[in-house]
Amino acid sequence: MKIHHYGFWIFKEGLFDLLDFFHRKINLPLTVDNELVKYELHYTDGEQNLWFTLLIHDVITIKVAKDSNDRDIIFFNIEYTDLVIREIKDLEEFINSK
């Protein structure tokens, strides 16, 4: 099965809205402890390739990291299979609407 890649960034203020979207709309088994995510993000760095793996699932992997220069920006690196292409399109629409 082919693995696709999708990367984007958001401002940190939108992080928990986005995580809620993953849980509700894409129906992923994502239980998020907001404080743990904040803690783990503190130690990430997108430029140095230090990512926090938010979710590993059969059809999707979601990794996040803060920008080195602007710590208010959070990068997302998503790897997914053909089984969730429609959901990734929904994600793109959600991000573009913000």
PDB file of N, CA and C in Angstrom:
ATOM      1  N   MET A   1       0.836  -1.166   0.000  1.00  0.00           N
ATOM      2  CA  MET A   1       0.000   0.000   0.000  1.00  0.00           C
ATOM      3  C   MET A   1       0.890   1.243   0.000  1.00  0.00           C
ATOM      4  N   LYS A   2       0.548   2.191  -0.858  1.00  0.00           N
ATOM      5  CA  LYS A   2       1.349   3.401  -1.001  1.00  0.00           C
ATOM      6  C   LYS A   2       1.182   4.312   0.218  1.00  0.00           C
ATOM      7  N   ILE A   3       2.306   4.888   0.656  1.00  0.00           N
ATOM      8  CA  ILE A   3       2.312   5.850   1.764  1.00  0.00           C
ATOM      9  C   ILE A   3       2.415   7.254   1.166  1.00  0.00           C
ATOM     10  N   HIS A   4       1.489   8.125   1.564  1.00  0.00           N
ATOM     11  CA  HIS A   4       1.474   9.514   1.127  1.00  0.00           C
ATOM     12  C   HIS A   4       2.003  10.385   2.268  1.00  0.00           C
ATOM     13  N   HIS A   5       2.452  11.581   1.921  1.00  0.00           N
ATOM     14  CA  HIS A   5       2.964  12.522   2.919  1.00  0.00           C
ATOM     15  C   HIS A   5       2.218  13.838   2.783  1.00  0.00           C
ATOM     16  N   TYR A   6       1.911  14.423   3.916  1.00  0.00           N
ATOM     17  CA  TYR A   6       1.259  15.726   3.938  1.00  0.00           C
ATOM     18  C   TYR A   6       1.863  16.522   5.083  1.00  0.00           C
ATOM     19  N   GLY A   7       2.378  17.680   4.768  1.00  0.00           N
ATOM     20  CA  GLY A   7       2.965  18.534   5.786  1.00  0.00           C
ATOM     21  C   GLY A   7       2.327  19.908   5.759  1.00  0.00           C
ATOM     22  N   PHE A   8       2.182  20.510   6.917  1.00  0.00           N
ATOM     23  CA  PHE A   8       1.633  21.854   7.018  1.00  0.00           C
ATOM     24  C   PHE A   8       2.026  22.423   8.368  1.00  0.00           C
ATOM     25  N   TRP A   9       1.720  23.697   8.581  1.00  0.00           N
ATOM     26  CA  TRP A   9       1.999  24.316   9.871  1.00  0.00           C
ATOM     27  C   TRP A   9       0.781  25.108  10.308  1.00  0.00           C
ATOM     28  N   ILE A  10       0.692  25.301  11.618  1.00  0.00           N
ATOM     29  CA  ILE A  10      -0.356  26.119  12.217  1.00  0.00           C
ATOM     30  C   ILE A  10       0.276  26.946  13.342  1.00  0.00           C
ATOM     31  N   PHE A  11      -0.449  27.968  13.785  1.00  0.00           N
ATOM     32  CA  PHE A  11      -0.034  28.665  14.992  1.00  0.00           C
ATOM     33  C   PHE A  11      -0.481  27.846  16.186  1.00  0.00           C
ATOM     34  N   LYS A  12       0.272  27.905  17.270  1.00  0.00           N
ATOM     35  CA  LYS A  12      -0.002  27.052  18.427  1.00  0.00           C
ATOM     36  C   LYS A  12      -1.399  27.250  18.992  1.00  0.00           C
ATOM     37  N   GLU A  13      -2.003  28.427  18.804  1.00  0.00           N
ATOM     38  CA  GLU A  13      -3.346  28.674  19.321  1.00  0.00           C
ATOM     39  C   GLU A  13      -4.392  27.738  18.693  1.00  0.00           C
ATOM     40  N   GLY A  14      -4.122  27.245  17.489  1.00  0.00           N
ATOM     41  CA  GLY A  14      -5.073  26.378  16.806  1.00  0.00           C
ATOM     42  C   GLY A  14      -4.838  24.893  17.031  1.00  0.00           C
ATOM     43  N   LEU A  15      -3.846  24.544  17.846  1.00  0.00           N
ATOM     44  CA  LEU A  15      -3.463  23.144  18.014  1.00  0.00           C
ATOM     45  C   LEU A  15      -4.610  22.275  18.522  1.00  0.00           C
ATOM     46  N   PHE A  16      -5.258  22.701  19.589  1.00  0.00           N
ATOM     47  CA  PHE A  16      -6.254  21.826  20.202  1.00  0.00           C
ATOM     48  C   PHE A  16      -7.549  21.755  19.392  1.00  0.00           C
ATOM     49  N   ASP A  17      -7.861  22.805  18.617  1.00  0.00           N
ATOM     50  CA  ASP A  17      -8.972  22.713  17.667  1.00  0.00           C
ATOM     51  C   ASP A  17      -8.668  21.665  16.605  1.00  0.00           C
ATOM     52  N   LEU A  18      -7.424  21.653  16.148  1.00  0.00           N
ATOM     53  CA  LEU A  18      -7.019  20.683  15.143  1.00  0.00           C
ATOM     54  C   LEU A  18      -7.040  19.262  15.702  1.00  0.00           C
ATOM     55  N   LEU A  19      -6.572  19.080  16.918  1.00  0.00           N
ATOM     56  CA  LEU A  19      -6.606  17.747  17.531  1.00  0.00           C
ATOM     57  C   LEU A  19      -8.040  17.276  17.721  1.00  0.00           C
ATOM     58  N   ASP A  20      -8.928  18.189  18.073  1.00  0.00           N
ATOM     59  CA  ASP A  20     -10.344  17.855  18.191  1.00  0.00           C
ATOM     60  C   ASP A  20     -10.904  17.436  16.833  1.00  0.00           C
ATOM     61  N   PHE A  21     -10.477  18.119  15.780  1.00  0.00           N
ATOM     62  CA  PHE A  21     -10.896  17.756  14.428  1.00  0.00           C
ATOM     63  C   PHE A  21     -10.463  16.330  14.091  1.00  0.00           C
ATOM     64  N   PHE A  22      -9.207  16.004  14.395  1.00  0.00           N
ATOM     65  CA  PHE A  22      -8.723  14.643  14.142  1.00  0.00           C
ATOM     66  C   PHE A  22      -9.614  13.618  14.843  1.00  0.00           C
ATOM     67  N   HIS A  23      -9.932  13.896  16.064  1.00  0.00           N
ATOM     68  CA  HIS A  23     -10.719  12.952  16.858  1.00  0.00           C
ATOM     69  C   HIS A  23     -12.152  12.824  16.341  1.00  0.00           C
ATOM     70  N   ARG A  24     -12.820  13.938  16.065  1.00  0.00           N
ATOM     71  CA  ARG A  24     -14.230  13.924  15.671  1.00  0.00           C
ATOM     72  C   ARG A  24     -14.424  13.556  14.201  1.00  0.00           C
ATOM     73  N   LYS A  25     -13.781  14.310  13.328  1.00  0.00           N
ATOM     74  CA  LYS A  25     -14.066  14.213  11.894  1.00  0.00           C
ATOM     75  C   LYS A  25     -13.391  13.023  11.237  1.00  0.00           C
ATOM     76  N   ILE A  26     -12.154  12.775  11.592  1.00  0.00           N
ATOM     77  CA  ILE A  26     -11.421  11.682  10.957  1.00  0.00           C
ATOM     78  C   ILE A  26     -11.642  10.388  11.720  1.00  0.00           C
ATOM     79  N   ASN A  27     -12.220  10.511  12.922  1.00  0.00           N
ATOM     80  CA  ASN A  27     -12.571   9.344  13.721  1.00  0.00           C
ATOM     81  C   ASN A  27     -11.349   8.487  14.053  1.00  0.00           C
ATOM     82  N   LEU A  28     -10.280   9.168  14.467  1.00  0.00           N
ATOM     83  CA  LEU A  28      -9.068   8.459  14.851  1.00  0.00           C
ATOM     84  C   LEU A  28      -9.088   8.167  16.349  1.00  0.00           C
ATOM     85  N   PRO A  29      -8.464   7.074  16.735  1.00  0.00           N
ATOM     86  CA  PRO A  29      -8.392   6.747  18.161  1.00  0.00           C
ATOM     87  C   PRO A  29      -7.344   7.623  18.856  1.00  0.00           C
ATOM     88  N   LEU A  30      -7.624   8.900  18.930  1.00  0.00           N
ATOM     89  CA  LEU A  30      -6.660   9.860  19.440  1.00  0.00           C
ATOM     90  C   LEU A  30      -7.166  10.418  20.766  1.00  0.00           C
ATOM     91  N   THR A  31      -6.569   9.968  21.833  1.00  0.00           N
ATOM     92  CA  THR A  31      -6.864  10.510  23.150  1.00  0.00           C
ATOM     93  C   THR A  31      -5.707  11.415  23.510  1.00  0.00           C
ATOM     94  N   VAL A  32      -6.019  12.685  23.713  1.00  0.00           N
ATOM     95  CA  VAL A  32      -4.965  13.670  23.900  1.00  0.00           C
ATOM     96  C   VAL A  32      -4.996  14.238  25.306  1.00  0.00           C
ATOM     97  N   ASP A  33      -3.855  14.198  25.938  1.00  0.00           N
ATOM     98  CA  ASP A  33      -3.648  14.887  27.204  1.00  0.00           C
ATOM     99  C   ASP A  33      -2.985  16.209  26.823  1.00  0.00           C
ATOM    100  N   ASN A  34      -3.751  17.288  26.880  1.00  0.00           N
ATOM    101  CA  ASN A  34      -3.256  18.587  26.432  1.00  0.00           C
ATOM    102  C   ASN A  34      -1.953  18.991  27.116  1.00  0.00           C
ATOM    103  N   GLU A  35      -1.851  18.735  28.404  1.00  0.00           N
ATOM    104  CA  GLU A  35      -0.624  19.102  29.131  1.00  0.00           C
ATOM    105  C   GLU A  35       0.571  18.281  28.652  1.00  0.00           C
ATOM    106  N   LEU A  36       0.355  17.003  28.363  1.00  0.00           N
ATOM    107  CA  LEU A  36       1.439  16.162  27.851  1.00  0.00           C
ATOM    108  C   LEU A  36       1.888  16.648  26.475  1.00  0.00           C
ATOM    109  N   VAL A  37       0.947  17.010  25.626  1.00  0.00           N
ATOM    110  CA  VAL A  37       1.303  17.512  24.299  1.00  0.00           C
ATOM    111  C   VAL A  37       2.118  18.794  24.431  1.00  0.00           C
ATOM    112  N   LYS A  38       1.682  19.715  25.285  1.00  0.00           N
ATOM    113  CA  LYS A  38       2.449  20.957  25.503  1.00  0.00           C
ATOM    114  C   LYS A  38       3.867  20.645  25.991  1.00  0.00           C
ATOM    115  N   TYR A  39       3.972  19.715  26.927  1.00  0.00           N
ATOM    116  CA  TYR A  39       5.274  19.324  27.477  1.00  0.00           C
ATOM    117  C   TYR A  39       6.174  18.747  26.387  1.00  0.00           C
ATOM    118  N   GLU A  40       5.642  17.801  25.630  1.00  0.00           N
ATOM    119  CA  GLU A  40       6.440  17.147  24.585  1.00  0.00           C
ATOM    120  C   GLU A  40       6.832  18.126  23.488  1.00  0.00           C
ATOM    121  N   LEU A  41       5.935  19.039  23.129  1.00  0.00           N
ATOM    122  CA  LEU A  41       6.250  20.018  22.091  1.00  0.00           C
ATOM    123  C   LEU A  41       7.401  20.935  22.505  1.00  0.00           C
ATOM    124  N   HIS A  42       7.525  21.178  23.772  1.00  0.00           N
ATOM    125  CA  HIS A  42       8.601  22.037  24.262  1.00  0.00           C
ATOM    126  C   HIS A  42       9.979  21.494  23.855  1.00  0.00           C
ATOM    127  N   TYR A  43      10.109  20.196  23.719  1.00  0.00           N
ATOM    128  CA  TYR A  43      11.394  19.553  23.424  1.00  0.00           C
ATOM    129  C   TYR A  43      11.571  19.214  21.939  1.00  0.00           C
ATOM    130  N   THR A  44      10.667  19.702  21.103  1.00  0.00           N
ATOM    131  CA  THR A  44      10.769  19.403  19.678  1.00  0.00           C
ATOM    132  C   THR A  44      11.438  20.551  18.934  1.00  0.00           C
ATOM    133  N   ASP A  45      11.883  20.248  17.721  1.00  0.00           N
ATOM    134  CA  ASP A  45      12.487  21.251  16.859  1.00  0.00           C
ATOM    135  C   ASP A  45      12.422  20.725  15.425  1.00  0.00           C
ATOM    136  N   GLY A  46      11.588  21.354  14.608  1.00  0.00           N
ATOM    137  CA  GLY A  46      11.402  20.903  13.231  1.00  0.00           C
ATOM    138  C   GLY A  46      12.666  20.949  12.400  1.00  0.00           C
ATOM    139  N   GLU A  47      13.493  21.969  12.600  1.00  0.00           N
ATOM    140  CA  GLU A  47      14.722  22.090  11.813  1.00  0.00           C
ATOM    141  C   GLU A  47      15.759  21.047  12.204  1.00  0.00           C
ATOM    142  N   GLN A  48      15.764  20.645  13.459  1.00  0.00           N
ATOM    143  CA  GLN A  48      16.717  19.637  13.911  1.00  0.00           C
ATOM    144  C   GLN A  48      16.129  18.228  13.853  1.00  0.00           C
ATOM    145  N   ASN A  49      14.947  18.113  13.260  1.00  0.00           N
ATOM    146  CA  ASN A  49      14.275  16.827  13.074  1.00  0.00           C
ATOM    147  C   ASN A  49      13.973  16.127  14.402  1.00  0.00           C
ATOM    148  N   LEU A  50      13.582  16.905  15.402  1.00  0.00           N
ATOM    149  CA  LEU A  50      13.167  16.370  16.702  1.00  0.00           C
ATOM    150  C   LEU A  50      11.647  16.472  16.780  1.00  0.00           C
ATOM    151  N   TRP A  51      10.962  15.375  16.491  1.00  0.00           N
ATOM    152  CA  TRP A  51       9.506  15.349  16.395  1.00  0.00           C
ATOM    153  C   TRP A  51       8.895  14.569  17.550  1.00  0.00           C
ATOM    154  N   PHE A  52       7.675  14.921  17.884  1.00  0.00           N
ATOM    155  CA  PHE A  52       6.868  14.185  18.850  1.00  0.00           C
ATOM    156  C   PHE A  52       5.823  13.415  18.056  1.00  0.00           C
ATOM    157  N   THR A  53       5.783  12.097  18.228  1.00  0.00           N
ATOM    158  CA  THR A  53       4.803  11.277  17.525  1.00  0.00           C
ATOM    159  C   THR A  53       3.503  11.312  18.304  1.00  0.00           C
ATOM    160  N   LEU A  54       2.524  11.973  17.722  1.00  0.00           N
ATOM    161  CA  LEU A  54       1.233  12.156  18.348  1.00  0.00           C
ATOM    162  C   LEU A  54       0.360  10.916  18.185  1.00  0.00           C
ATOM    163  N   LEU A  55       0.495  10.249  17.029  1.00  0.00           N
ATOM    164  CA  LEU A  55      -0.338   9.077  16.761  1.00  0.00           C
ATOM    165  C   LEU A  55       0.356   8.152  15.771  1.00  0.00           C
ATOM    166  N   ILE A  56       0.335   6.866  16.094  1.00  0.00           N
ATOM    167  CA  ILE A  56       0.742   5.831  15.139  1.00  0.00           C
ATOM    168  C   ILE A  56      -0.450   4.890  15.030  1.00  0.00           C
ATOM    169  N   HIS A  57      -0.938   4.727  13.819  1.00  0.00           N
ATOM    170  CA  HIS A  57      -2.093   3.878  13.556  1.00  0.00           C
ATOM    171  C   HIS A  57      -1.806   3.129  12.260  1.00  0.00           C
ATOM    172  N   ASP A  58      -2.572   2.113  11.977  1.00  0.00           N
ATOM    173  CA  ASP A  58      -2.345   1.312  10.766  1.00  0.00           C
ATOM    174  C   ASP A  58      -2.380   2.144   9.488  1.00  0.00           C
ATOM    175  N   VAL A  59      -3.222   3.190   9.462  1.00  0.00           N
ATOM    176  CA  VAL A  59      -3.433   3.940   8.238  1.00  0.00           C
ATOM    177  C   VAL A  59      -2.858   5.355   8.266  1.00  0.00           C
ATOM    178  N   ILE A  60      -2.369   5.801   9.439  1.00  0.00           N
ATOM    179  CA  ILE A  60      -1.886   7.176   9.542  1.00  0.00           C
ATOM    180  C   ILE A  60      -0.889   7.319  10.695  1.00  0.00           C
ATOM    181  N   THR A  61       0.124   8.164  10.474  1.00  0.00           N
ATOM    182  CA  THR A  61       1.074   8.541  11.521  1.00  0.00           C
ATOM    183  C   THR A  61       1.134  10.065  11.541  1.00  0.00           C
ATOM    184  N   ILE A  62       1.005  10.644  12.734  1.00  0.00           N
ATOM    185  CA  ILE A  62       1.030  12.093  12.873  1.00  0.00           C
ATOM    186  C   ILE A  62       2.176  12.481  13.806  1.00  0.00           C
ATOM    187  N   LYS A  63       3.077  13.320  13.286  1.00  0.00           N
ATOM    188  CA  LYS A  63       4.194  13.831  14.086  1.00  0.00           C
ATOM    189  C   LYS A  63       4.113  15.355  14.104  1.00  0.00           C
ATOM    190  N   VAL A  64       4.508  15.942  15.239  1.00  0.00           N
ATOM    191  CA  VAL A  64       4.470  17.392  15.384  1.00  0.00           C
ATOM    192  C   VAL A  64       5.799  17.902  15.940  1.00  0.00           C
ATOM    193  N   ALA A  65       6.118  19.152  15.595  1.00  0.00           N
ATOM    194  CA  ALA A  65       7.326  19.798  16.117  1.00  0.00           C
ATOM    195  C   ALA A  65       7.158  21.305  16.030  1.00  0.00           C
ATOM    196  N   LYS A  66       7.787  21.998  16.965  1.00  0.00           N
ATOM    197  CA  LYS A  66       7.789  23.454  16.916  1.00  0.00           C
ATOM    198  C   LYS A  66       8.897  23.941  15.990  1.00  0.00           C
ATOM    199  N   ASP A  67       8.683  25.123  15.451  1.00  0.00           N
ATOM    200  CA  ASP A  67       9.688  25.775  14.622  1.00  0.00           C
ATOM    201  C   ASP A  67      10.835  26.266  15.510  1.00  0.00           C
ATOM    202  N   SER A  68      12.047  26.179  15.026  1.00  0.00           N
ATOM    203  CA  SER A  68      13.218  26.629  15.793  1.00  0.00           C
ATOM    204  C   SER A  68      13.212  28.129  16.020  1.00  0.00           C
ATOM    205  N   ASN A  69      12.825  28.869  14.995  1.00  0.00           N
ATOM    206  CA  ASN A  69      12.918  30.324  15.045  1.00  0.00           C
ATOM    207  C   ASN A  69      11.673  30.989  15.618  1.00  0.00           C
ATOM    208  N   ASP A  70      10.528  30.419  15.383  1.00  0.00           N
ATOM    209  CA  ASP A  70       9.272  30.991  15.863  1.00  0.00           C
ATOM    210  C   ASP A  70       8.525  29.898  16.613  1.00  0.00           C
ATOM    211  N   ARG A  71       8.669  29.875  17.921  1.00  0.00           N
ATOM    212  CA  ARG A  71       8.122  28.786  18.729  1.00  0.00           C
ATOM    213  C   ARG A  71       6.592  28.800  18.786  1.00  0.00           C
ATOM    214  N   ASP A  72       5.947  29.805  18.169  1.00  0.00           N
ATOM    215  CA  ASP A  72       4.485  29.834  18.099  1.00  0.00           C
ATOM    216  C   ASP A  72       3.958  29.042  16.913  1.00  0.00           C
ATOM    217  N   ILE A  73       4.855  28.538  16.073  1.00  0.00           N
ATOM    218  CA  ILE A  73       4.468  27.764  14.892  1.00  0.00           C
ATOM    219  C   ILE A  73       4.708  26.284  15.166  1.00  0.00           C
ATOM    220  N   ILE A  74       3.712  25.472  14.810  1.00  0.00           N
ATOM    221  CA  ILE A  74       3.815  24.018  14.978  1.00  0.00           C
ATOM    222  C   ILE A  74       3.704  23.364  13.606  1.00  0.00           C
ATOM    223  N   PHE A  75       4.704  22.563  13.296  1.00  0.00           N
ATOM    224  CA  PHE A  75       4.711  21.809  12.044  1.00  0.00           C
ATOM    225  C   PHE A  75       4.026  20.457  12.258  1.00  0.00           C
ATOM    226  N   PHE A  76       3.325  19.995  11.237  1.00  0.00           N
ATOM    227  CA  PHE A  76       2.735  18.665  11.228  1.00  0.00           C
ATOM    228  C   PHE A  76       3.326  17.888  10.067  1.00  0.00           C
ATOM    229  N   ASN A  77       3.665  16.638  10.314  1.00  0.00           N
ATOM    230  CA  ASN A  77       4.150  15.727   9.290  1.00  0.00           C
ATOM    231  C   ASN A  77       3.260  14.494   9.374  1.00  0.00           C
ATOM    232  N   ILE A  78       2.449  14.290   8.342  1.00  0.00           N
ATOM    233  CA  ILE A  78       1.488  13.192   8.353  1.00  0.00           C
ATOM    234  C   ILE A  78       1.831  12.221   7.233  1.00  0.00           C
ATOM    235  N   GLU A  79       1.921  10.964   7.592  1.00  0.00           N
ATOM    236  CA  GLU A  79       2.074   9.882   6.619  1.00  0.00           C
ATOM    237  C   GLU A  79       0.790   9.073   6.671  1.00  0.00           C
ATOM    238  N   TYR A  80       0.216   8.782   5.503  1.00  0.00           N
ATOM    239  CA  TYR A  80      -1.074   8.094   5.489  1.00  0.00           C
ATOM    240  C   TYR A  80      -1.195   7.194   4.264  1.00  0.00           C
ATOM    241  N   THR A  81      -2.118   6.255   4.345  1.00  0.00           N
ATOM    242  CA  THR A  81      -2.361   5.320   3.249  1.00  0.00           C
ATOM    243  C   THR A  81      -3.586   5.772   2.448  1.00  0.00           C
ATOM    244  N   ASP A  82      -3.830   5.052   1.366  1.00  0.00           N
ATOM    245  CA  ASP A  82      -4.977   5.356   0.505  1.00  0.00           C
ATOM    246  C   ASP A  82      -6.312   5.255   1.257  1.00  0.00           C
ATOM    247  N   LEU A  83      -6.341   4.535   2.359  1.00  0.00           N
ATOM    248  CA  LEU A  83      -7.593   4.327   3.091  1.00  0.00           C
ATOM    249  C   LEU A  83      -8.126   5.587   3.757  1.00  0.00           C
ATOM    250  N   VAL A  84      -7.293   6.607   3.918  1.00  0.00           N
ATOM    251  CA  VAL A  84      -7.752   7.848   4.561  1.00  0.00           C
ATOM    252  C   VAL A  84      -7.574   9.081   3.673  1.00  0.00           C
ATOM    253  N   ILE A  85      -7.511   8.881   2.369  1.00  0.00           N
ATOM    254  CA  ILE A  85      -7.340  10.020   1.452  1.00  0.00           C
ATOM    255  C   ILE A  85      -8.493  11.007   1.591  1.00  0.00           C
ATOM    256  N   ARG A  86      -9.713  10.525   1.665  1.00  0.00           N
ATOM    257  CA  ARG A  86     -10.877  11.413   1.791  1.00  0.00           C
ATOM    258  C   ARG A  86     -10.786  12.239   3.067  1.00  0.00           C
ATOM    259  N   GLU A  87     -10.356  11.614   4.154  1.00  0.00           N
ATOM    260  CA  GLU A  87     -10.229  12.314   5.427  1.00  0.00           C
ATOM    261  C   GLU A  87      -9.132  13.382   5.385  1.00  0.00           C
ATOM    262  N   ILE A  88      -8.059  13.111   4.651  1.00  0.00           N
ATOM    263  CA  ILE A  88      -6.994  14.104   4.508  1.00  0.00           C
ATOM    264  C   ILE A  88      -7.505  15.295   3.697  1.00  0.00           C
ATOM    265  N   LYS A  89      -8.342  15.049   2.696  1.00  0.00           N
ATOM    266  CA  LYS A  89      -8.967  16.154   1.951  1.00  0.00           C
ATOM    267  C   LYS A  89      -9.819  17.003   2.891  1.00  0.00           C
ATOM    268  N   ASP A  90     -10.569  16.343   3.804  1.00  0.00           N
ATOM    269  CA  ASP A  90     -11.349  17.083   4.814  1.00  0.00           C
ATOM    270  C   ASP A  90     -10.432  17.907   5.699  1.00  0.00           C
ATOM    271  N   LEU A  91      -9.284  17.352   6.066  1.00  0.00           N
ATOM    272  CA  LEU A  91      -8.308  18.056   6.880  1.00  0.00           C
ATOM    273  C   LEU A  91      -7.797  19.304   6.140  1.00  0.00           C
ATOM    274  N   GLU A  92      -7.474  19.157   4.856  1.00  0.00           N
ATOM    275  CA  GLU A  92      -7.008  20.294   4.066  1.00  0.00           C
ATOM    276  C   GLU A  92      -8.054  21.406   4.046  1.00  0.00           C
ATOM    277  N   GLU A  93      -9.326  21.034   3.879  1.00  0.00           N
ATOM    278  CA  GLU A  93     -10.402  22.027   3.889  1.00  0.00           C
ATOM    279  C   GLU A  93     -10.504  22.699   5.259  1.00  0.00           C
ATOM    280  N   PHE A  94     -10.368  21.932   6.324  1.00  0.00           N
ATOM    281  CA  PHE A  94     -10.431  22.477   7.679  1.00  0.00           C
ATOM    282  C   PHE A  94      -9.303  23.489   7.897  1.00  0.00           C
ATOM    283  N   ILE A  95      -8.099  23.144   7.491  1.00  0.00           N
ATOM    284  CA  ILE A  95      -6.950  24.034   7.676  1.00  0.00           C
ATOM    285  C   ILE A  95      -7.129  25.308   6.843  1.00  0.00           C
ATOM    286  N   ASN A  96      -7.594  25.166   5.631  1.00  0.00           N
ATOM    287  CA  ASN A  96      -7.784  26.325   4.759  1.00  0.00           C
ATOM    288  C   ASN A  96      -8.903  27.250   5.248  1.00  0.00           C
ATOM    289  N   SER A  97      -9.809  26.716   6.044  1.00  0.00           N
ATOM    290  CA  SER A  97     -10.921  27.533   6.551  1.00  0.00           C
ATOM    291  C   SER A  97     -10.510  28.377   7.753  1.00  0.00           C
ATOM    292  N   LYS A  98      -9.349  28.088   8.337  1.00  0.00           N
ATOM    293  CA  LYS A  98      -8.893  28.808   9.539  1.00  0.00           C
ATOM    294  C   LYS A  98      -8.125  30.049   9.194  1.00  0.00           C
TER     295      LYS A  98
END
